[in-house]
């Protein structure tokens, strides 16, 4: 069976992002400093509790982070954090490999710039397909955003500074909530006109089409049926969907089917023919051709690669 009963499209998409590893913690810095971070695989999500600093991601204009700001780094690009970007940088590993207070890395005694968050290592195929449309830096700021994140930050602070039994799991859940909240706020901000499935969730009509696809991925949807769900003409719907999402409705349907198929290939021993039929394909060959086009390998190659990746 496919689908995620009772879930909204954002939850459904995020549910396919399988965690390969996770780390929660933070930093407590003081004085003049500049830390350099290398590339990473996955998403970093942090929030500034006190103080300020500059964040400079490779190829992106630096942004100033203030207390209460939250930021996501979904592309894995190298970046720097500093009080002064002209200072010679120190390799961040030198700081984070020093003796830590709880899960907090400290520099110059701390007390001025304090941040909390987590690093999510995700399985590459899903992360590339589902998060590639996000900008290199997602910067969330503003008074309302600080209010909405305050509870999460306070609970995270307690868990990382005062380790208790089960604290790692609690910190992971809090960081996950922080990640989802940051994506919600990014949606609220309008995504600056970017095209993609996230942008579509900010548009009531396009969200209706995406929800219909997610609710019944095996249905033989036509352009006319989806347009009717949105209360639009066929031609206007097709043009608006392509502009908003970045692909045609039928391309989106195919991609969502293949993501569901990939998840089932990873999670079960179901035959490829059975998966193909459950997603509305009359033949295994047609399904396999579509799968290779979207996922970059045949279903059997994909399943084999996923099995080898399991430790």
Protein backbone atom coordinates (compact mmCIF):
# COMPACT_ATOMS: atom_id res chain seq x y z
CA UNK A 1 0.00 0.00 0.00
CA UNK A 2 1.09 3.55 -0.68
CA UNK A 3 0.17 6.89 0.82
CA UNK A 4 0.41 8.41 4.26
CA UNK A 5 -3.12 8.56 5.63
CA UNK A 6 -3.92 11.78 7.42
CA UNK A 7 -0.68 13.50 6.37
CA UNK A 8 -0.39 16.79 4.55
CA UNK A 9 1.90 16.96 1.48
CA UNK A 10 4.83 18.53 3.38
CA UNK A 11 4.72 15.77 5.99
CA UNK A 12 4.46 13.12 3.28
CA UNK A 13 7.50 14.42 1.45
CA UNK A 14 9.57 14.80 4.60
CA UNK A 15 8.60 11.29 5.72
CA UNK A 16 10.61 9.95 2.76
CA UNK A 17 13.79 11.64 4.01
CA UNK A 18 15.37 8.73 5.83
CA UNK A 19 17.79 9.66 8.61
CA UNK A 20 21.18 8.00 8.23
CA UNK A 21 22.61 9.83 11.20
CA UNK A 22 21.87 12.70 13.55
CA UNK A 23 23.72 14.94 15.96
CA UNK A 24 22.26 17.58 18.30
CA UNK A 25 24.30 20.18 20.10
CA UNK A 26 25.48 23.73 19.92
CA UNK A 27 28.21 26.29 20.41
CA UNK A 28 29.02 28.89 23.06
CA UNK A 29 31.62 31.40 21.84
CA UNK A 30 33.20 34.66 22.98
CA UNK A 31 35.69 37.25 21.81
CA UNK A 32 36.74 37.67 18.19
CA UNK A 33 36.51 34.43 16.26
CA UNK A 34 36.12 32.93 12.80
CA UNK A 35 35.29 29.25 12.26
CA UNK A 36 35.47 27.43 8.93
CA UNK A 37 33.25 24.41 8.24
CA UNK A 38 33.86 21.99 5.39
CA UNK A 39 31.20 20.46 3.13
CA UNK A 40 28.60 18.19 4.72
CA UNK A 41 26.07 15.66 3.48
CA UNK A 42 22.63 16.41 4.83
CA UNK A 43 20.95 19.40 6.47
CA UNK A 44 22.23 21.62 9.25
CA UNK A 45 19.56 23.48 11.21
CA UNK A 46 20.57 25.91 13.95
CA UNK A 47 19.07 28.80 15.90
CA UNK A 48 20.85 31.67 17.64
CA UNK A 49 19.87 31.91 21.29
CA UNK A 50 22.06 34.86 22.30
CA UNK A 51 24.57 37.11 20.58
CA UNK A 52 25.23 37.56 16.88
CA UNK A 53 27.66 36.57 14.13
CA UNK A 54 28.11 36.51 10.37
CA UNK A 55 27.26 33.45 8.29
CA UNK A 56 29.02 33.16 4.94
CA UNK A 57 28.19 30.24 2.66
CA UNK A 58 30.31 29.60 -0.41
CA UNK A 59 28.90 31.57 -3.36
CA UNK A 60 26.24 33.38 -1.28
CA UNK A 61 26.13 36.92 0.14
CA UNK A 62 26.97 36.82 3.89
CA UNK A 63 24.06 37.21 6.31
CA UNK A 64 24.09 38.59 9.84
CA UNK A 65 22.55 36.25 12.40
CA UNK A 66 20.89 37.80 15.44
CA UNK A 67 19.51 36.24 18.61
CA UNK A 68 16.29 34.40 17.73
CA UNK A 69 17.26 33.81 14.10
CA UNK A 70 17.15 30.30 12.67
CA UNK A 71 19.04 29.06 9.63
CA UNK A 72 19.07 25.96 7.46
CA UNK A 73 21.99 24.81 5.32
CA UNK A 74 20.42 22.18 3.01
CA UNK A 75 22.99 22.04 0.21
CA UNK A 76 26.04 20.87 2.18
CA UNK A 77 28.25 23.72 0.95
CA UNK A 78 31.33 24.89 2.91
CA UNK A 79 30.61 27.87 5.16
CA UNK A 80 32.07 30.20 7.77
CA UNK A 81 30.71 31.71 10.95
CA UNK A 82 32.55 34.69 12.41
CA UNK A 83 32.37 37.95 14.34
CA UNK A 84 34.60 39.39 11.62
CA UNK A 85 34.88 37.67 8.23
CA UNK A 86 38.27 39.29 7.62
CA UNK A 87 39.80 37.24 10.46
CA UNK A 88 41.87 34.19 9.48
CA UNK A 89 39.52 31.22 10.01
CA UNK A 90 40.06 28.36 12.43
CA UNK A 91 39.02 24.87 11.35
CA UNK A 92 35.76 24.25 13.24
CA UNK A 93 36.79 20.66 13.90
CA UNK A 94 39.44 21.97 16.28
CA UNK A 95 36.70 23.55 18.39
CA UNK A 96 34.13 20.78 18.22
CA UNK A 97 36.72 18.11 19.05
CA UNK A 98 37.73 19.90 22.25
CA UNK A 99 36.26 18.78 25.63
CA UNK A 100 32.62 19.86 25.54
CA UNK A 101 30.14 21.00 28.19
CA UNK A 102 27.27 18.58 27.60
CA UNK A 103 26.97 18.73 23.82
CA UNK A 104 28.11 22.36 23.63
CA UNK A 105 31.39 23.38 22.00
CA UNK A 106 33.01 26.31 23.85
CA UNK A 107 35.52 28.90 22.61
CA UNK A 108 37.26 31.63 24.67
CA UNK A 109 35.17 30.69 27.68
CA UNK A 110 31.84 31.30 25.94
CA UNK A 111 29.08 33.56 27.16
CA UNK A 112 28.54 35.85 24.15
CA UNK A 113 27.33 33.89 21.11
CA UNK A 114 25.21 30.83 21.89
CA UNK A 115 23.51 28.64 19.27
CA UNK A 116 21.62 25.33 19.29
CA UNK A 117 20.48 22.89 16.62
CA UNK A 118 21.20 19.67 14.85
CA UNK A 119 22.79 18.00 11.86
CA UNK A 120 20.68 15.56 9.85
CA UNK A 121 22.56 13.10 7.63
CA UNK A 122 20.06 11.92 5.03
CA UNK A 123 20.07 9.15 2.47
CA UNK A 124 21.39 10.82 -0.65
CA UNK A 125 18.85 9.92 -3.35
CA UNK A 126 15.83 11.31 -1.52
CA UNK A 127 17.67 14.37 -0.23
CA UNK A 128 18.88 15.31 -3.73
CA UNK A 129 15.45 14.94 -5.32
CA UNK A 130 13.38 16.51 -2.59
CA UNK A 131 15.57 19.30 -1.21
CA UNK A 132 17.58 20.43 -4.23
CA UNK A 133 15.18 23.34 -4.82
CA UNK A 134 15.96 24.93 -1.44
CA UNK A 135 18.43 27.83 -1.54
CA UNK A 136 21.92 27.32 -0.07
CA UNK A 137 20.89 29.32 3.01
CA UNK A 138 17.42 29.55 4.51
CA UNK A 139 17.49 32.46 6.96
CA UNK A 140 14.47 32.81 9.25
CA UNK A 141 14.21 36.06 11.19
CA UNK A 142 11.62 38.36 12.75
CA UNK A 143 9.80 38.81 16.04
CA UNK A 144 6.94 36.39 15.27
CA UNK A 145 9.41 33.70 14.26
CA UNK A 146 11.37 34.16 17.49
CA UNK A 147 8.17 33.68 19.48
CA UNK A 148 7.27 30.47 17.65
CA UNK A 149 10.76 28.99 18.12
CA UNK A 150 11.20 30.06 21.76
CA UNK A 151 9.76 26.91 23.34
CA UNK A 152 11.80 24.61 21.09
CA UNK A 153 14.99 26.51 21.84
CA UNK A 154 14.43 26.41 25.60
CA UNK A 155 13.75 22.67 25.60
CA UNK A 156 16.78 22.04 23.37
CA UNK A 157 18.95 24.14 25.71
CA UNK A 158 17.91 22.04 28.71
CA UNK A 159 18.54 18.74 26.93
CA UNK A 160 22.03 19.58 25.65
CA UNK A 161 23.25 21.35 28.81
CA UNK A 162 21.77 18.91 31.32
CA UNK A 163 22.10 15.40 29.82
CA UNK A 164 19.58 12.93 31.23
CA UNK A 165 18.52 9.38 30.33
CA UNK A 166 16.85 9.44 26.93
CA UNK A 167 18.22 12.91 26.26
CA UNK A 168 19.66 12.04 22.85
CA UNK A 169 16.27 10.90 21.55
CA UNK A 170 14.52 13.96 22.99
CA UNK A 171 17.13 16.27 21.44
CA UNK A 172 16.67 14.54 18.08
CA UNK A 173 12.90 15.05 18.19
CA UNK A 174 13.29 18.70 19.19
CA UNK A 175 15.77 19.33 16.38
CA UNK A 176 13.40 17.64 13.92
CA UNK A 177 10.60 19.91 15.12
CA UNK A 178 12.95 22.88 14.65
CA UNK A 179 13.67 21.74 11.09
CA UNK A 180 9.96 21.41 10.24
CA UNK A 181 9.18 24.76 11.87
CA UNK A 182 11.94 26.41 9.85
CA UNK A 183 10.50 24.95 6.63
CA UNK A 184 7.04 26.17 7.62
CA UNK A 185 8.37 29.68 8.14
CA UNK A 186 10.24 29.46 4.85
CA UNK A 187 6.93 28.60 3.16
CA UNK A 188 5.25 31.50 4.96
CA UNK A 189 7.91 33.84 3.60
CA UNK A 190 6.86 32.93 0.06
CA UNK A 191 10.16 31.36 -1.07
CA UNK A 192 11.05 34.52 -3.02
CA UNK A 193 9.36 33.35 -6.22
CA UNK A 194 11.27 30.08 -6.47
CA UNK A 195 9.59 27.26 -8.41
CA UNK A 196 9.22 23.84 -6.82
CA UNK A 197 6.97 21.61 -4.75
CA UNK A 198 7.55 23.77 -1.66
CA UNK A 199 6.39 26.85 -3.54
CA UNK A 200 3.28 24.99 -4.68
CA UNK A 201 2.25 24.39 -1.06
CA UNK A 202 1.85 28.15 -0.60
CA UNK A 203 -0.76 28.29 -3.39
CA UNK A 204 -4.22 26.97 -2.51
CA UNK A 205 -5.06 25.78 -6.02
CA UNK A 206 -1.71 24.09 -6.64
CA UNK A 207 -1.81 22.50 -3.19
CA UNK A 208 -5.18 20.99 -4.11
CA UNK A 209 -3.61 19.32 -7.15
CA UNK A 210 -0.61 18.04 -5.21
CA UNK A 211 -2.81 16.75 -2.40
CA UNK A 212 -4.95 14.87 -4.95
CA UNK A 213 -1.84 13.24 -6.45
CA UNK A 214 -0.50 12.29 -3.04
CA UNK A 215 -3.84 10.91 -1.87
CA UNK A 216 -4.19 8.60 -4.92
CA UNK A 217 -0.80 8.11 -6.65
CA UNK A 218 -2.00 5.01 -8.51
CA UNK A 219 -4.98 6.76 -10.08
CA UNK A 220 -4.74 7.38 -13.82
CA UNK A 221 -4.92 11.13 -13.41
CA UNK A 222 -5.54 13.28 -16.46
CA UNK A 223 -4.75 16.95 -16.82
CA UNK A 224 -8.49 17.69 -17.03
CA UNK A 225 -9.23 15.85 -13.75
CA UNK A 226 -6.52 17.69 -11.84
CA UNK A 227 -7.60 21.01 -13.32
CA UNK A 228 -11.16 20.32 -12.18
CA UNK A 229 -9.90 19.67 -8.61
CA UNK A 230 -8.39 23.18 -8.70
CA UNK A 231 -11.41 24.85 -10.29
CA UNK A 232 -9.38 25.92 -13.32
CA UNK A 233 -9.43 25.36 -17.04
CA UNK A 234 -7.09 22.69 -18.39
CA UNK A 235 -4.77 25.11 -20.19
CA UNK A 236 -4.54 27.67 -17.38
CA UNK A 237 -3.94 24.92 -14.80
CA UNK A 238 -1.17 23.31 -16.86
CA UNK A 239 0.62 26.64 -17.34
CA UNK A 240 0.27 27.69 -13.68
CA UNK A 241 1.41 24.30 -12.35
CA UNK A 242 4.51 24.34 -14.57
CA UNK A 243 5.36 27.89 -13.51
CA UNK A 244 4.77 27.24 -9.81
CA UNK A 245 6.18 23.73 -9.42
CA UNK A 246 8.80 23.75 -12.16
CA UNK A 247 7.56 20.58 -13.88
CA UNK A 248 4.31 19.59 -15.58
CA UNK A 249 1.54 17.91 -13.53
CA UNK A 250 2.20 14.56 -15.22
CA UNK A 251 5.93 14.85 -14.55
CA UNK A 252 5.20 15.58 -10.89
CA UNK A 253 2.87 12.56 -10.72
CA UNK A 254 5.56 10.32 -12.18
CA UNK A 255 8.23 11.65 -9.82
CA UNK A 256 6.04 11.15 -6.76
CA UNK A 257 5.22 7.61 -7.84
CA UNK A 258 8.92 6.83 -8.27
CA UNK A 259 9.80 8.26 -4.85
CA UNK A 260 7.13 6.04 -3.29
CA UNK A 261 8.44 3.09 -5.30
CA UNK A 262 11.98 3.76 -4.15
CA UNK A 263 10.84 3.81 -0.53
CA UNK A 264 9.03 0.49 -0.96
CA UNK A 265 12.00 -1.08 -2.73
CA UNK A 266 14.12 -0.06 0.23
CA UNK A 267 11.67 -1.11 2.94
CA UNK A 268 10.22 -4.36 1.56
CA UNK A 269 10.93 -7.48 -0.49
CA UNK A 270 7.89 -6.90 -2.73
CA UNK A 271 8.37 -7.89 -6.36
CA UNK A 272 9.00 -5.09 -8.82
CA UNK A 273 5.94 -6.18 -10.82
CA UNK A 274 3.77 -5.89 -7.71
CA UNK A 275 5.06 -2.39 -6.96
CA UNK A 276 4.50 -1.35 -10.57
CA UNK A 277 0.91 -2.60 -10.57
CA UNK A 278 0.11 -0.91 -7.23
CA UNK A 279 1.23 2.41 -8.70
CA UNK A 280 -1.01 2.15 -11.73
CA UNK A 281 1.45 0.74 -14.30
CA UNK A 282 0.10 -1.92 -16.64
CA UNK A 283 3.55 -3.39 -17.27
CA UNK A 284 6.77 -3.79 -15.35
CA UNK A 285 8.77 -2.55 -18.32
CA UNK A 286 6.90 0.78 -18.46
CA UNK A 287 7.38 1.21 -14.73
CA UNK A 288 11.09 0.34 -14.91
CA UNK A 289 11.64 2.82 -17.73
CA UNK A 290 10.01 5.60 -15.71
CA UNK A 291 11.93 4.60 -12.58
CA UNK A 292 15.29 4.73 -14.37
CA UNK A 293 14.49 8.15 -15.81
CA UNK A 294 13.63 9.65 -12.41
CA UNK A 295 15.88 7.73 -10.01
CA UNK A 296 18.88 7.14 -12.26
CA UNK A 297 18.95 3.34 -12.06
CA UNK A 298 16.71 0.34 -12.62
CA UNK A 299 14.47 -0.76 -9.71
CA UNK A 300 16.63 -3.85 -9.11
CA UNK A 301 19.85 -1.85 -9.18
CA UNK A 302 18.32 0.65 -6.76
CA UNK A 303 17.27 -2.10 -4.36
CA UNK A 304 20.72 -3.71 -4.55
CA UNK A 305 22.49 -0.42 -3.88
CA UNK A 306 20.23 0.31 -0.91
CA UNK A 307 20.86 -3.17 0.54
CA UNK A 308 24.63 -2.69 0.27
CA UNK A 309 24.37 0.67 2.04
CA UNK A 310 22.81 -0.90 5.17
CA UNK A 311 25.58 -1.42 7.75
